[in-house]
């Protein structure tokens, strides 16, 4: 039976981890993004206007100042969905507060047999599997501490991180890739 934790407990994990917090993002959209003013501005073709002084950004800066690492791999469709384009734009906010975000084409993720699961991995010891409903709303967080299951998430992380492309490089090659469906230059060939 899954162990579910509440959102407050989940939020605390971003303050109490010791070394690394790593995420795989596989969804095409996130309702929590779509409900923000920054998303609305971005969809109108304006600057999203990210606030680098908000509590989320402040917390990330404080944690990275302690030497902790935040890393993510985002799976991106070809062409990217509006939600994925928003996340690609928002990566500059994440980078400004110390996160390292890389991107992986969905077709490559499928060739690597990466699961279509969104999860966080903390210190390679604990994973949290994020559950979403059909409207892309986060509905629950499952805590995973079984060492065998955690090792599975570590293996997923290692494969995704190895083949993913740094966001700036990915973005630099995106326009031609989005138009033609071709893979961007500098992209590691997936077996």
N, C-alpha and C. Protein backbone atom coordinates (compact mmCIF):
# COMPACT_ATOMS: atom_id res chain seq x y z
N UNK A 1 0.84 -1.18 0.00
CA UNK A 1 0.00 0.00 0.00
C UNK A 1 0.89 1.24 0.00
N UNK A 2 0.63 2.20 -0.91
CA UNK A 2 1.47 3.39 -0.99
C UNK A 2 1.40 4.24 0.28
N UNK A 3 2.52 4.88 0.58
CA UNK A 3 2.58 5.82 1.70
C UNK A 3 2.45 7.23 1.13
N UNK A 4 1.33 7.87 1.41
CA UNK A 4 1.11 9.23 0.92
C UNK A 4 1.47 10.22 2.02
N UNK A 5 2.09 11.33 1.61
CA UNK A 5 2.40 12.41 2.56
C UNK A 5 1.63 13.65 2.13
N UNK A 6 1.40 14.54 3.08
CA UNK A 6 0.66 15.76 2.71
C UNK A 6 1.62 16.77 2.08
N UNK A 7 1.05 17.80 1.50
CA UNK A 7 1.85 18.77 0.76
C UNK A 7 2.81 19.54 1.67
N UNK A 8 2.44 19.76 2.93
CA UNK A 8 3.35 20.43 3.86
C UNK A 8 4.59 19.58 4.13
N UNK A 9 4.39 18.28 4.33
CA UNK A 9 5.53 17.38 4.54
C UNK A 9 6.43 17.36 3.31
N UNK A 10 5.80 17.34 2.14
CA UNK A 10 6.55 17.36 0.89
C UNK A 10 7.37 18.65 0.78
N UNK A 11 6.76 19.78 1.08
CA UNK A 11 7.48 21.06 1.02
C UNK A 11 8.68 21.07 1.97
N UNK A 12 8.54 20.47 3.13
CA UNK A 12 9.65 20.42 4.10
C UNK A 12 10.86 19.67 3.57
N UNK A 13 10.62 18.71 2.69
CA UNK A 13 11.72 17.92 2.15
C UNK A 13 12.71 18.78 1.38
N UNK A 14 12.25 19.91 0.84
CA UNK A 14 13.12 20.80 0.08
C UNK A 14 14.00 21.65 1.00
N UNK A 15 13.72 21.62 2.27
CA UNK A 15 14.55 22.32 3.26
C UNK A 15 15.45 21.36 4.02
N UNK A 16 15.03 20.11 4.14
CA UNK A 16 15.74 19.17 5.02
C UNK A 16 16.65 18.20 4.30
N UNK A 17 16.62 18.14 2.96
CA UNK A 17 17.54 17.23 2.29
C UNK A 17 18.97 17.71 2.52
N UNK A 18 19.93 16.81 2.35
CA UNK A 18 21.31 17.14 2.70
C UNK A 18 22.17 17.55 1.51
N UNK A 19 21.98 16.91 0.34
CA UNK A 19 22.91 17.13 -0.77
C UNK A 19 22.23 17.48 -2.10
N UNK A 20 21.33 16.57 -2.54
CA UNK A 20 20.74 16.76 -3.87
C UNK A 20 19.24 16.51 -3.86
N UNK A 21 18.56 17.33 -4.64
CA UNK A 21 17.14 17.13 -4.94
C UNK A 21 17.06 17.10 -6.46
N UNK A 22 16.61 15.98 -6.99
CA UNK A 22 16.61 15.77 -8.45
C UNK A 22 15.20 15.41 -8.91
N UNK A 23 14.78 15.99 -10.04
CA UNK A 23 13.42 15.75 -10.52
C UNK A 23 13.40 15.32 -11.98
N UNK A 24 12.49 14.41 -12.29
CA UNK A 24 12.13 14.10 -13.67
C UNK A 24 10.72 14.64 -13.90
N UNK A 25 10.58 15.48 -14.94
CA UNK A 25 9.28 16.06 -15.31
C UNK A 25 8.88 15.48 -16.66
N UNK A 26 7.75 14.81 -16.71
CA UNK A 26 7.36 14.13 -17.94
C UNK A 26 6.03 14.59 -18.52
N UNK A 27 5.32 15.44 -17.82
CA UNK A 27 3.99 15.83 -18.27
C UNK A 27 4.05 16.90 -19.35
N UNK A 28 3.00 16.97 -20.12
CA UNK A 28 2.92 17.96 -21.19
C UNK A 28 2.41 19.30 -20.68
N UNK A 29 1.77 19.28 -19.50
CA UNK A 29 1.23 20.50 -18.90
C UNK A 29 1.08 20.29 -17.40
N UNK A 30 1.12 21.40 -16.68
CA UNK A 30 0.90 21.38 -15.23
C UNK A 30 -0.13 22.46 -14.91
N UNK A 31 -1.24 22.05 -14.32
CA UNK A 31 -2.30 23.01 -14.01
C UNK A 31 -1.79 24.11 -13.10
N UNK A 32 -0.90 23.77 -12.16
CA UNK A 32 -0.38 24.78 -11.24
C UNK A 32 0.34 25.90 -12.00
N UNK A 33 0.98 25.57 -13.13
CA UNK A 33 1.60 26.61 -13.95
C UNK A 33 0.55 27.44 -14.67
N UNK A 34 -0.42 26.74 -15.25
CA UNK A 34 -1.43 27.41 -16.06
C UNK A 34 -2.28 28.40 -15.26
N UNK A 35 -2.30 28.25 -13.95
CA UNK A 35 -3.10 29.14 -13.11
C UNK A 35 -2.33 30.35 -12.60
N UNK A 36 -1.10 30.54 -13.07
CA UNK A 36 -0.30 31.68 -12.61
C UNK A 36 -0.39 32.86 -13.56
N UNK A 37 -0.10 34.04 -13.02
CA UNK A 37 -0.06 35.25 -13.84
C UNK A 37 1.10 35.19 -14.82
N UNK A 38 2.22 34.58 -14.40
CA UNK A 38 3.37 34.50 -15.30
C UNK A 38 3.03 33.68 -16.53
N UNK A 39 2.28 32.61 -16.35
CA UNK A 39 1.86 31.77 -17.49
C UNK A 39 0.97 32.58 -18.43
N UNK A 40 0.02 33.31 -17.86
CA UNK A 40 -0.90 34.10 -18.68
C UNK A 40 -0.13 35.14 -19.49
N UNK A 41 0.83 35.82 -18.85
CA UNK A 41 1.63 36.82 -19.57
C UNK A 41 2.43 36.15 -20.68
N UNK A 42 3.05 35.00 -20.37
CA UNK A 42 3.84 34.28 -21.37
C UNK A 42 2.98 33.88 -22.56
N UNK A 43 1.78 33.37 -22.30
CA UNK A 43 0.89 32.94 -23.38
C UNK A 43 0.41 34.12 -24.22
N UNK A 44 0.44 35.33 -23.66
CA UNK A 44 0.07 36.53 -24.41
C UNK A 44 1.25 37.10 -25.19
N UNK A 45 2.40 36.42 -25.11
CA UNK A 45 3.58 36.86 -25.84
C UNK A 45 4.37 37.94 -25.12
N UNK A 46 4.05 38.17 -23.85
CA UNK A 46 4.76 39.17 -23.06
C UNK A 46 5.80 38.48 -22.20
N UNK A 47 6.68 39.29 -21.60
CA UNK A 47 7.63 38.76 -20.63
C UNK A 47 6.84 38.21 -19.45
N UNK A 48 7.20 37.02 -19.01
CA UNK A 48 6.46 36.37 -17.92
C UNK A 48 6.56 37.15 -16.62
N UNK A 49 7.63 37.89 -16.42
CA UNK A 49 7.77 38.71 -15.21
C UNK A 49 7.98 37.91 -13.95
N UNK A 50 8.90 36.96 -13.99
CA UNK A 50 9.18 36.14 -12.80
C UNK A 50 9.70 37.00 -11.66
N UNK A 51 9.25 36.74 -10.46
CA UNK A 51 9.67 37.46 -9.26
C UNK A 51 10.75 36.65 -8.56
N UNK A 52 12.00 37.05 -8.70
CA UNK A 52 13.11 36.31 -8.09
C UNK A 52 13.18 36.50 -6.58
N UNK A 53 12.29 37.33 -6.04
CA UNK A 53 12.25 37.53 -4.60
C UNK A 53 11.11 36.79 -3.92
N UNK A 54 10.36 35.97 -4.69
CA UNK A 54 9.25 35.25 -4.06
C UNK A 54 9.79 34.15 -3.14
N UNK A 55 8.95 33.61 -2.27
CA UNK A 55 9.42 32.62 -1.29
C UNK A 55 10.08 31.39 -1.91
N UNK A 56 9.56 30.91 -3.03
CA UNK A 56 10.15 29.74 -3.69
C UNK A 56 11.59 30.04 -4.12
N UNK A 57 11.79 31.18 -4.78
CA UNK A 57 13.12 31.55 -5.23
C UNK A 57 14.06 31.79 -4.05
N UNK A 58 13.57 32.45 -3.03
CA UNK A 58 14.39 32.72 -1.85
C UNK A 58 14.85 31.42 -1.21
N UNK A 59 13.94 30.47 -1.07
CA UNK A 59 14.29 29.17 -0.48
C UNK A 59 15.35 28.45 -1.32
N UNK A 60 15.18 28.45 -2.64
CA UNK A 60 16.16 27.78 -3.51
C UNK A 60 17.54 28.43 -3.37
N UNK A 61 17.58 29.76 -3.35
CA UNK A 61 18.87 30.44 -3.19
C UNK A 61 19.51 30.09 -1.86
N UNK A 62 18.72 30.08 -0.79
CA UNK A 62 19.26 29.75 0.53
C UNK A 62 19.82 28.33 0.56
N UNK A 63 19.11 27.40 -0.04
CA UNK A 63 19.57 26.01 -0.03
C UNK A 63 20.82 25.83 -0.88
N UNK A 64 20.86 26.45 -2.05
CA UNK A 64 22.06 26.31 -2.90
C UNK A 64 23.25 27.03 -2.27
N UNK A 65 23.02 28.08 -1.50
CA UNK A 65 24.11 28.76 -0.80
C UNK A 65 24.75 27.84 0.24
N UNK A 66 23.99 26.85 0.70
CA UNK A 66 24.51 25.87 1.66
C UNK A 66 25.24 24.73 0.95
N UNK A 67 25.33 24.81 -0.38
CA UNK A 67 26.03 23.78 -1.14
C UNK A 67 25.13 22.66 -1.64
N UNK A 68 23.84 22.81 -1.45
CA UNK A 68 22.90 21.79 -1.93
C UNK A 68 22.63 22.00 -3.42
N UNK A 69 22.30 20.90 -4.11
CA UNK A 69 22.04 20.97 -5.55
C UNK A 69 20.58 20.64 -5.86
N UNK A 70 20.01 21.43 -6.77
CA UNK A 70 18.70 21.16 -7.35
C UNK A 70 18.93 20.90 -8.83
N UNK A 71 18.46 19.75 -9.31
CA UNK A 71 18.63 19.39 -10.72
C UNK A 71 17.32 18.81 -11.23
N UNK A 72 17.09 19.00 -12.55
CA UNK A 72 15.88 18.46 -13.18
C UNK A 72 16.20 18.04 -14.60
N UNK A 73 15.44 17.07 -15.07
CA UNK A 73 15.37 16.76 -16.49
C UNK A 73 13.92 16.86 -16.88
N UNK A 74 13.69 17.65 -17.93
CA UNK A 74 12.34 17.83 -18.44
C UNK A 74 12.21 17.13 -19.79
N UNK A 75 11.18 16.32 -19.92
CA UNK A 75 10.89 15.67 -21.19
C UNK A 75 10.08 16.63 -22.05
N UNK A 76 10.51 16.79 -23.30
CA UNK A 76 9.89 17.78 -24.19
C UNK A 76 9.42 17.10 -25.47
N UNK A 77 8.19 17.43 -25.87
CA UNK A 77 7.64 16.91 -27.12
C UNK A 77 8.20 17.70 -28.30
N UNK A 78 8.09 17.14 -29.50
CA UNK A 78 8.49 17.82 -30.72
C UNK A 78 7.27 17.87 -31.64
N UNK A 79 6.65 19.05 -31.80
CA UNK A 79 7.03 20.33 -31.20
C UNK A 79 6.59 20.41 -29.73
N UNK A 80 7.23 21.31 -28.99
CA UNK A 80 6.88 21.45 -27.57
C UNK A 80 5.45 21.95 -27.40
N UNK A 81 4.81 21.50 -26.34
CA UNK A 81 3.47 21.98 -25.99
C UNK A 81 3.60 23.41 -25.43
N UNK A 82 2.50 24.15 -25.35
CA UNK A 82 2.57 25.48 -24.72
C UNK A 82 3.12 25.41 -23.29
N UNK A 83 2.70 24.42 -22.53
CA UNK A 83 3.21 24.28 -21.17
C UNK A 83 4.70 24.02 -21.14
N UNK A 84 5.20 23.23 -22.09
CA UNK A 84 6.65 22.96 -22.15
C UNK A 84 7.42 24.20 -22.58
N UNK A 85 6.86 25.00 -23.48
CA UNK A 85 7.52 26.26 -23.87
C UNK A 85 7.60 27.21 -22.68
N UNK A 86 6.54 27.22 -21.87
CA UNK A 86 6.55 28.04 -20.66
C UNK A 86 7.66 27.58 -19.71
N UNK A 87 7.79 26.27 -19.53
CA UNK A 87 8.84 25.76 -18.65
C UNK A 87 10.24 26.04 -19.20
N UNK A 88 10.39 25.97 -20.52
CA UNK A 88 11.68 26.32 -21.12
C UNK A 88 12.02 27.78 -20.85
N UNK A 89 11.02 28.65 -20.96
CA UNK A 89 11.23 30.06 -20.65
C UNK A 89 11.53 30.24 -19.16
N UNK A 90 10.80 29.55 -18.32
CA UNK A 90 10.97 29.68 -16.88
C UNK A 90 12.27 29.11 -16.35
N UNK A 91 12.96 28.33 -17.17
CA UNK A 91 14.23 27.75 -16.73
C UNK A 91 15.25 28.84 -16.38
N UNK A 92 15.10 30.02 -16.98
CA UNK A 92 16.03 31.11 -16.62
C UNK A 92 15.82 31.55 -15.17
N UNK A 93 14.57 31.50 -14.70
CA UNK A 93 14.28 31.79 -13.29
C UNK A 93 14.93 30.72 -12.42
N UNK A 94 14.73 29.46 -12.78
CA UNK A 94 15.31 28.37 -12.00
C UNK A 94 16.83 28.48 -11.96
N UNK A 95 17.44 28.77 -13.10
CA UNK A 95 18.90 28.90 -13.16
C UNK A 95 19.38 30.06 -12.30
N UNK A 96 18.62 31.15 -12.27
CA UNK A 96 19.01 32.32 -11.49
C UNK A 96 19.06 32.04 -9.99
N UNK A 97 18.33 31.01 -9.55
CA UNK A 97 18.34 30.69 -8.12
C UNK A 97 19.15 29.42 -7.83
N UNK A 98 19.86 28.92 -8.83
CA UNK A 98 20.81 27.84 -8.60
C UNK A 98 20.44 26.46 -9.10
N UNK A 99 19.32 26.31 -9.79
CA UNK A 99 18.95 25.00 -10.32
C UNK A 99 19.67 24.73 -11.63
N UNK A 100 19.95 23.46 -11.88
CA UNK A 100 20.52 23.00 -13.14
C UNK A 100 19.44 22.18 -13.83
N UNK A 101 18.95 22.68 -14.96
CA UNK A 101 17.87 22.01 -15.68
C UNK A 101 18.37 21.57 -17.05
N UNK A 102 18.06 20.33 -17.38
CA UNK A 102 18.39 19.79 -18.69
C UNK A 102 17.09 19.28 -19.32
N UNK A 103 17.15 19.07 -20.63
CA UNK A 103 15.97 18.67 -21.38
C UNK A 103 16.26 17.45 -22.24
N UNK A 104 15.23 16.66 -22.44
CA UNK A 104 15.35 15.43 -23.20
C UNK A 104 14.12 15.29 -24.08
N UNK A 105 14.33 15.08 -25.36
CA UNK A 105 13.19 14.87 -26.24
C UNK A 105 12.41 13.64 -25.78
N UNK A 106 11.10 13.72 -25.86
CA UNK A 106 10.27 12.59 -25.43
C UNK A 106 10.62 11.32 -26.21
N UNK A 107 10.88 11.45 -27.49
CA UNK A 107 11.22 10.27 -28.29
C UNK A 107 12.49 9.60 -27.74
N UNK A 108 13.44 10.39 -27.27
CA UNK A 108 14.65 9.81 -26.68
C UNK A 108 14.34 9.17 -25.33
N UNK A 109 13.49 9.82 -24.55
CA UNK A 109 13.09 9.24 -23.26
C UNK A 109 12.40 7.90 -23.48
N UNK A 110 11.60 7.81 -24.52
CA UNK A 110 10.92 6.54 -24.82
C UNK A 110 11.92 5.48 -25.26
N UNK A 111 12.91 5.86 -26.09
CA UNK A 111 13.95 4.90 -26.50
C UNK A 111 14.76 4.41 -25.30
N UNK A 112 14.96 5.29 -24.34
CA UNK A 112 15.68 4.91 -23.12
C UNK A 112 14.80 4.12 -22.15
N UNK A 113 13.52 4.02 -22.49
CA UNK A 113 12.53 3.35 -21.64
C UNK A 113 12.39 4.00 -20.27
N UNK A 114 12.49 5.34 -20.28
CA UNK A 114 12.24 6.07 -19.05
C UNK A 114 10.74 6.06 -18.79
N UNK A 115 10.34 5.95 -17.55
CA UNK A 115 8.90 5.93 -17.26
C UNK A 115 8.27 7.31 -17.42
N UNK A 116 6.99 7.31 -17.69
CA UNK A 116 6.24 8.57 -17.76
C UNK A 116 5.76 8.90 -16.35
N UNK A 117 6.70 9.09 -15.45
CA UNK A 117 6.42 9.38 -14.05
C UNK A 117 7.13 10.67 -13.67
N UNK A 118 6.45 11.51 -12.94
CA UNK A 118 7.09 12.69 -12.36
C UNK A 118 7.49 12.33 -10.94
N UNK A 119 8.74 12.57 -10.61
CA UNK A 119 9.19 12.26 -9.26
C UNK A 119 10.35 13.16 -8.87
N UNK A 120 10.54 13.27 -7.56
CA UNK A 120 11.72 13.90 -6.98
C UNK A 120 12.51 12.79 -6.28
N UNK A 121 13.82 12.90 -6.35
CA UNK A 121 14.73 11.98 -5.67
C UNK A 121 15.60 12.84 -4.75
N UNK A 122 15.56 12.54 -3.46
CA UNK A 122 16.30 13.31 -2.47
C UNK A 122 17.47 12.49 -1.94
N UNK A 123 18.68 13.03 -2.13
CA UNK A 123 19.90 12.42 -1.59
C UNK A 123 20.06 10.96 -2.00
N UNK A 124 19.48 10.56 -3.10
CA UNK A 124 19.56 9.17 -3.58
C UNK A 124 19.08 8.17 -2.53
N UNK A 125 18.26 8.65 -1.58
CA UNK A 125 17.76 7.78 -0.50
C UNK A 125 16.26 7.68 -0.45
N UNK A 126 15.58 8.74 -0.88
CA UNK A 126 14.12 8.81 -0.78
C UNK A 126 13.59 9.38 -2.10
N UNK A 127 12.52 8.78 -2.59
CA UNK A 127 11.86 9.31 -3.78
C UNK A 127 10.44 9.72 -3.42
N UNK A 128 9.92 10.68 -4.16
CA UNK A 128 8.52 11.06 -4.03
C UNK A 128 7.90 11.01 -5.42
N UNK A 129 6.95 10.13 -5.60
CA UNK A 129 6.24 9.99 -6.86
C UNK A 129 5.05 10.93 -6.83
N UNK A 130 4.94 11.78 -7.84
CA UNK A 130 3.88 12.79 -7.88
C UNK A 130 2.70 12.24 -8.68
N UNK A 131 1.53 12.32 -8.10
CA UNK A 131 0.30 11.84 -8.74
C UNK A 131 -0.51 13.03 -9.25
N UNK A 132 -1.03 12.89 -10.48
CA UNK A 132 -1.80 13.95 -11.13
C UNK A 132 -3.14 13.40 -11.59
N UNK A 133 -4.13 14.28 -11.69
CA UNK A 133 -5.41 13.86 -12.25
C UNK A 133 -5.42 14.17 -13.75
N UNK A 134 -6.55 13.89 -14.40
CA UNK A 134 -6.66 14.09 -15.85
C UNK A 134 -6.61 15.55 -16.25
N UNK A 135 -6.80 16.46 -15.29
CA UNK A 135 -6.73 17.90 -15.56
C UNK A 135 -5.35 18.46 -15.23
N UNK A 136 -4.37 17.58 -15.06
CA UNK A 136 -2.97 17.97 -14.80
C UNK A 136 -2.76 18.63 -13.45
N UNK A 137 -3.64 18.36 -12.50
CA UNK A 137 -3.49 18.88 -11.13
C UNK A 137 -2.76 17.86 -10.27
N UNK A 138 -1.82 18.33 -9.48
CA UNK A 138 -1.14 17.47 -8.52
C UNK A 138 -2.16 17.07 -7.45
N UNK A 139 -2.36 15.77 -7.29
CA UNK A 139 -3.36 15.29 -6.34
C UNK A 139 -2.76 14.59 -5.13
N UNK A 140 -1.51 14.17 -5.23
CA UNK A 140 -0.91 13.45 -4.11
C UNK A 140 0.58 13.23 -4.30
N UNK A 141 1.24 12.97 -3.19
CA UNK A 141 2.68 12.71 -3.19
C UNK A 141 2.91 11.40 -2.44
N UNK A 142 3.49 10.46 -3.14
CA UNK A 142 3.76 9.14 -2.57
C UNK A 142 5.23 9.07 -2.13
N UNK A 143 5.45 8.78 -0.88
CA UNK A 143 6.80 8.66 -0.33
C UNK A 143 7.31 7.24 -0.58
N UNK A 144 8.50 7.14 -1.16
CA UNK A 144 9.09 5.84 -1.47
C UNK A 144 10.44 5.75 -0.76
N UNK A 145 10.55 4.81 0.16
CA UNK A 145 11.78 4.62 0.92
C UNK A 145 12.37 3.23 0.75
N UNK A 146 11.63 2.32 0.13
CA UNK A 146 12.13 0.97 -0.12
C UNK A 146 13.41 1.07 -0.95
N UNK A 147 14.55 0.57 -0.44
CA UNK A 147 15.83 0.73 -1.15
C UNK A 147 15.81 0.20 -2.59
N UNK A 148 15.14 -0.89 -2.85
CA UNK A 148 15.08 -1.43 -4.20
C UNK A 148 14.37 -0.45 -5.14
N UNK A 149 13.27 0.12 -4.68
CA UNK A 149 12.54 1.09 -5.50
C UNK A 149 13.33 2.38 -5.67
N UNK A 150 14.02 2.81 -4.61
CA UNK A 150 14.82 4.03 -4.71
C UNK A 150 15.96 3.85 -5.71
N UNK A 151 16.58 2.67 -5.72
CA UNK A 151 17.65 2.40 -6.68
C UNK A 151 17.11 2.49 -8.11
N UNK A 152 15.89 2.04 -8.33
CA UNK A 152 15.27 2.18 -9.65
C UNK A 152 15.22 3.65 -10.07
N UNK A 153 14.81 4.51 -9.15
CA UNK A 153 14.75 5.94 -9.47
C UNK A 153 16.15 6.51 -9.70
N UNK A 154 17.13 6.02 -8.97
CA UNK A 154 18.52 6.46 -9.20
C UNK A 154 18.99 6.07 -10.60
N UNK A 155 18.63 4.88 -11.05
CA UNK A 155 19.01 4.43 -12.39
C UNK A 155 18.33 5.28 -13.45
N UNK A 156 17.06 5.61 -13.22
CA UNK A 156 16.34 6.49 -14.15
C UNK A 156 17.03 7.84 -14.22
N UNK A 157 17.38 8.38 -13.05
CA UNK A 157 18.09 9.67 -13.00
C UNK A 157 19.38 9.61 -13.80
N UNK A 158 20.17 8.57 -13.58
CA UNK A 158 21.47 8.47 -14.25
C UNK A 158 21.32 8.45 -15.77
N UNK A 159 20.36 7.68 -16.27
CA UNK A 159 20.15 7.62 -17.72
C UNK A 159 19.64 8.94 -18.26
N UNK A 160 18.65 9.52 -17.60
CA UNK A 160 18.08 10.78 -18.07
C UNK A 160 19.13 11.89 -18.06
N UNK A 161 19.88 12.00 -16.99
CA UNK A 161 20.88 13.07 -16.87
C UNK A 161 21.97 12.93 -17.92
N UNK A 162 22.37 11.69 -18.20
CA UNK A 162 23.44 11.44 -19.17
C UNK A 162 23.05 11.93 -20.57
N UNK A 163 21.84 11.68 -20.98
CA UNK A 163 21.42 12.00 -22.34
C UNK A 163 20.75 13.36 -22.48
N UNK A 164 20.39 13.99 -21.40
CA UNK A 164 19.71 15.28 -21.47
C UNK A 164 20.68 16.39 -21.86
N UNK A 165 20.12 17.44 -22.41
CA UNK A 165 20.88 18.58 -22.93
C UNK A 165 20.63 19.79 -22.03
N UNK A 166 21.69 20.52 -21.70
CA UNK A 166 21.56 21.73 -20.90
C UNK A 166 20.54 22.67 -21.55
N UNK A 167 19.77 23.34 -20.72
CA UNK A 167 18.66 24.15 -21.22
C UNK A 167 19.10 25.19 -22.25
N UNK A 168 20.17 25.92 -22.00
CA UNK A 168 20.59 26.95 -22.97
C UNK A 168 20.92 26.34 -24.32
N UNK A 169 21.60 25.20 -24.33
CA UNK A 169 21.91 24.52 -25.59
C UNK A 169 20.63 24.02 -26.26
N UNK A 170 19.75 23.47 -25.47
CA UNK A 170 18.48 22.96 -25.99
C UNK A 170 17.67 24.11 -26.61
N UNK A 171 17.57 25.22 -25.90
CA UNK A 171 16.82 26.37 -26.39
C UNK A 171 17.44 26.94 -27.66
N UNK A 172 18.77 26.97 -27.72
CA UNK A 172 19.45 27.53 -28.88
C UNK A 172 19.13 26.77 -30.16
N UNK A 173 18.84 25.51 -30.04
CA UNK A 173 18.54 24.68 -31.20
C UNK A 173 17.06 24.40 -31.37
N UNK A 174 16.23 24.92 -30.50
CA UNK A 174 14.81 24.60 -30.52
C UNK A 174 14.07 25.12 -31.74
N UNK A 175 14.27 26.34 -32.21
CA UNK A 175 13.44 26.81 -33.31
C UNK A 175 13.46 25.90 -34.53
N UNK A 176 14.63 25.48 -34.98
CA UNK A 176 14.67 24.60 -36.14
C UNK A 176 14.11 23.23 -35.80
N UNK A 177 14.38 22.76 -34.59
CA UNK A 177 13.87 21.46 -34.19
C UNK A 177 12.35 21.49 -34.09
N UNK A 178 11.79 22.58 -33.58
CA UNK A 178 10.34 22.67 -33.42
C UNK A 178 9.65 22.76 -34.78
N UNK A 179 10.29 23.43 -35.74
CA UNK A 179 9.69 23.57 -37.07
C UNK A 179 9.73 22.27 -37.84
N UNK A 180 10.89 21.59 -37.80
CA UNK A 180 11.06 20.44 -38.68
C UNK A 180 10.87 19.10 -38.01
N UNK A 181 10.91 19.11 -36.68
CA UNK A 181 10.84 17.84 -35.98
C UNK A 181 12.19 17.16 -35.87
N UNK A 182 13.24 17.80 -36.43
CA UNK A 182 14.58 17.24 -36.33
C UNK A 182 15.11 17.40 -34.92
N UNK A 183 16.10 16.63 -34.60
CA UNK A 183 16.73 16.73 -33.29
C UNK A 183 17.79 17.83 -33.34
N UNK A 184 17.98 18.55 -32.26
CA UNK A 184 18.94 19.65 -32.27
C UNK A 184 20.38 19.16 -32.34
N UNK A 185 21.25 20.00 -32.89
CA UNK A 185 22.68 19.69 -32.89
C UNK A 185 23.19 19.62 -31.48
N UNK A 186 24.24 18.89 -31.26
CA UNK A 186 24.81 18.80 -29.93
C UNK A 186 24.08 17.81 -29.04
N UNK A 187 23.10 17.17 -29.57
CA UNK A 187 22.29 16.22 -28.80
C UNK A 187 22.97 14.86 -28.85
N UNK A 188 23.17 14.24 -27.72
CA UNK A 188 23.77 12.91 -27.70
C UNK A 188 22.83 11.90 -28.31
N UNK A 189 23.36 11.08 -29.16
CA UNK A 189 22.57 10.04 -29.81
C UNK A 189 22.17 8.99 -28.78
N UNK A 190 20.91 8.68 -28.75
CA UNK A 190 20.40 7.66 -27.83
C UNK A 190 20.48 6.31 -28.53
N UNK A 191 20.95 5.28 -27.82
CA UNK A 191 21.08 3.96 -28.46
C UNK A 191 19.74 3.40 -28.90
